[in-house]
Protein backbone atom coordinates (compact mmCIF):
# COMPACT_ATOMS: atom_id res chain seq x y z
CA MET A 1 6.69 83.46 67.00
CA LYS A 2 4.26 80.85 68.31
CA ARG A 3 5.63 78.28 65.85
CA VAL A 4 9.28 78.95 66.67
CA VAL A 5 9.10 77.45 70.17
CA PRO A 6 7.62 74.07 69.13
CA VAL A 7 10.08 73.81 66.24
CA ALA A 8 13.02 74.60 68.55
CA VAL A 9 11.80 72.06 71.12
CA GLY A 10 11.37 69.46 68.37
CA LEU A 11 14.87 70.06 67.04
CA ALA A 12 16.40 69.84 70.52
CA ALA A 13 14.53 66.62 71.29
CA GLY A 14 15.56 65.12 67.94
CA MET A 15 19.21 65.94 68.55
CA ALA A 16 19.10 64.45 72.05
CA VAL A 17 17.47 61.24 70.82
CA GLY A 18 19.98 60.89 67.97
CA PHE A 19 22.88 61.55 70.31
CA PHE A 20 21.88 58.89 72.83
CA LEU A 21 20.79 56.30 70.27
CA GLY A 22 24.48 55.89 69.47
CA VAL A 23 24.63 53.48 72.38
CA MET A 24 22.35 51.05 70.58
CA VAL A 25 24.68 50.66 67.60
CA THR A 26 27.70 49.72 69.68
CA ARG A 27 28.74 46.11 69.79
CA HIS A 28 28.73 44.33 73.14
CA GLY A 29 32.00 44.31 75.03
CA GLU A 30 33.68 47.12 73.10
CA PRO A 31 34.19 50.58 74.52
CA ALA A 32 32.86 53.31 72.23
CA VAL A 33 32.80 57.08 71.90
CA VAL A 34 29.67 58.86 70.63
CA ILE A 35 30.52 62.37 69.41
CA HIS A 36 27.87 65.00 68.69
CA ASN A 37 28.76 68.28 66.96
CA ALA A 38 26.36 70.77 68.56
CA THR A 39 27.96 73.74 66.82
CA ASP A 40 26.75 75.54 63.70
CA GLU A 41 29.98 74.86 61.81
CA THR A 42 31.79 71.86 60.40
CA LEU A 43 34.56 70.57 62.65
CA GLN A 44 37.69 70.13 60.54
CA ARG A 45 39.07 67.39 62.74
CA VAL A 46 38.04 65.48 65.83
CA SER A 47 40.63 63.27 67.49
CA ILE A 48 40.24 60.64 70.20
CA THR A 49 43.38 59.71 72.12
CA THR A 50 43.57 56.77 74.49
CA ASP A 51 46.34 56.17 77.02
CA PHE A 52 46.52 52.74 78.61
CA HIS A 53 49.05 50.39 80.14
CA LYS A 54 49.34 47.34 77.96
CA SER A 55 52.79 45.80 78.25
CA TYR A 56 54.90 45.00 81.28
CA HIS A 57 58.52 46.17 81.37
CA ILE A 58 61.19 43.61 82.30
CA HIS A 59 62.46 45.85 85.12
CA GLY A 60 59.00 46.32 86.57
CA GLY A 61 56.11 48.63 85.84
CA TYR A 62 53.91 49.05 82.83
CA ILE A 63 54.91 50.78 79.61
CA PRO A 64 52.20 53.25 78.62
CA GLU A 65 50.82 52.88 75.11
CA SER A 66 48.22 54.88 73.24
CA GLU A 67 45.92 54.80 70.24
CA GLU A 68 44.59 57.75 68.26
CA TYR A 69 41.46 57.94 66.12
CA PHE A 70 40.61 60.78 63.69
CA ILE A 71 37.32 61.97 62.26
CA ASP A 72 37.55 64.59 59.49
CA LYS A 73 34.85 67.13 58.68
CA LEU A 74 32.12 66.34 61.21
CA GLN A 75 29.09 68.27 59.95
CA PRO A 76 27.06 70.61 62.21
CA HIS A 77 24.50 68.86 64.41
CA HIS A 78 25.68 65.38 63.32
CA THR A 79 26.61 62.45 65.54
CA ILE A 80 29.21 59.74 64.91
CA THR A 81 30.14 56.61 66.87
CA GLU A 82 33.73 55.37 67.03
CA ARG A 83 34.57 51.95 68.53
CA MET A 84 37.82 51.56 70.46
CA LEU A 85 40.08 48.60 69.67
CA SER A 86 41.46 48.24 73.18
CA HIS A 87 39.59 46.27 75.82
CA SER A 88 41.81 47.62 78.61
CA PRO A 89 41.01 50.39 81.09
CA MET A 90 42.21 53.70 79.62
CA ALA A 91 42.31 57.46 79.89
CA LEU A 92 40.48 59.01 76.97
CA THR A 93 40.75 62.56 75.58
CA VAL A 94 38.66 64.08 72.79
CA ARG A 95 39.93 67.12 70.88
CA ALA A 96 38.22 69.12 68.15
CA THR A 97 39.43 71.76 65.70
CA THR A 98 37.00 74.26 64.19
CA ALA A 99 36.99 75.44 60.57
CA ASP A 100 39.08 78.50 61.50
CA GLY A 101 41.71 76.33 63.25
CA LYS A 102 40.63 76.97 66.85
CA GLU A 103 41.34 74.04 69.20
CA LEU A 104 38.37 73.51 71.53
CA PRO A 105 39.12 72.81 75.21
CA SER A 106 38.75 69.17 76.21
CA GLN A 107 38.58 66.97 79.27
CA LYS A 108 40.12 63.61 80.09
CA VAL A 109 37.94 60.77 81.34
CA TYR A 110 38.96 57.38 82.70
CA VAL A 111 37.17 54.46 81.08
CA ALA A 112 36.85 50.81 82.09
CA SER A 113 37.24 48.10 79.47
CA GLN A 114 33.57 48.45 78.47
CA GLY A 115 31.07 51.29 78.28
CA VAL A 116 30.30 54.40 76.25
CA VAL A 117 31.77 57.90 76.38
CA PHE A 118 29.47 60.67 75.16
CA ALA A 119 31.29 63.73 73.82
CA LEU A 120 29.22 66.86 73.26
CA VAL A 121 31.14 69.42 71.18
CA SER A 122 29.89 73.00 71.58
CA SER A 123 31.46 76.35 70.73
CA ASP A 124 32.60 76.59 74.38
CA GLY A 125 34.44 73.27 74.44
CA ILE A 126 33.94 69.53 74.77
CA THR A 127 31.99 67.88 77.56
CA LEU A 128 32.64 64.17 78.23
CA GLN A 129 30.33 61.81 80.09
CA TYR A 130 31.17 58.16 80.70
CA GLU A 131 28.48 55.50 81.06
CA PRO A 132 30.00 52.20 82.22
CA LYS A 133 28.46 48.95 81.04
CA ARG A 134 26.32 47.44 83.76
C-alpha cells in the first residue's frame, strides 16, 4: 500500500506534464486544441467544431462558416494536439464518443485568433480551458 501512493502521484504528475507540454509543440500564431483522454477506455471519435464569421453578405451582416476536425480512436490517457486552420475569432466545441457509443457532454468556448484550448475528456464529460496568447 505504501508504494501505491507514490506511483499514483507519479502517474498523475506525468499525465499533467504531458497534457500541458502540448502548448510547446504548437506553431506561433495558430490556434490549437490539446485534447487529453483521461478515461480508461479508447474514445471512438473526438470532434472539434469551430463556428466563425468569415464572409460578409452583400445585404449586410456576416455569413457564419464552420470547420470540423475528427480524431479517431484516441487511446486512454493519451494526448493529441490539433492545429486550427482559421486565424479568426471563433466559437469552439469539442465532442467525444465512447466505445459504447455514449456522447460525452461538452462545452463551448470562445477563442481569439491565437491561443490554446485544453480539452480534458473524463467519464463525466469534457472540460475546456482557453489560454489566450499573450
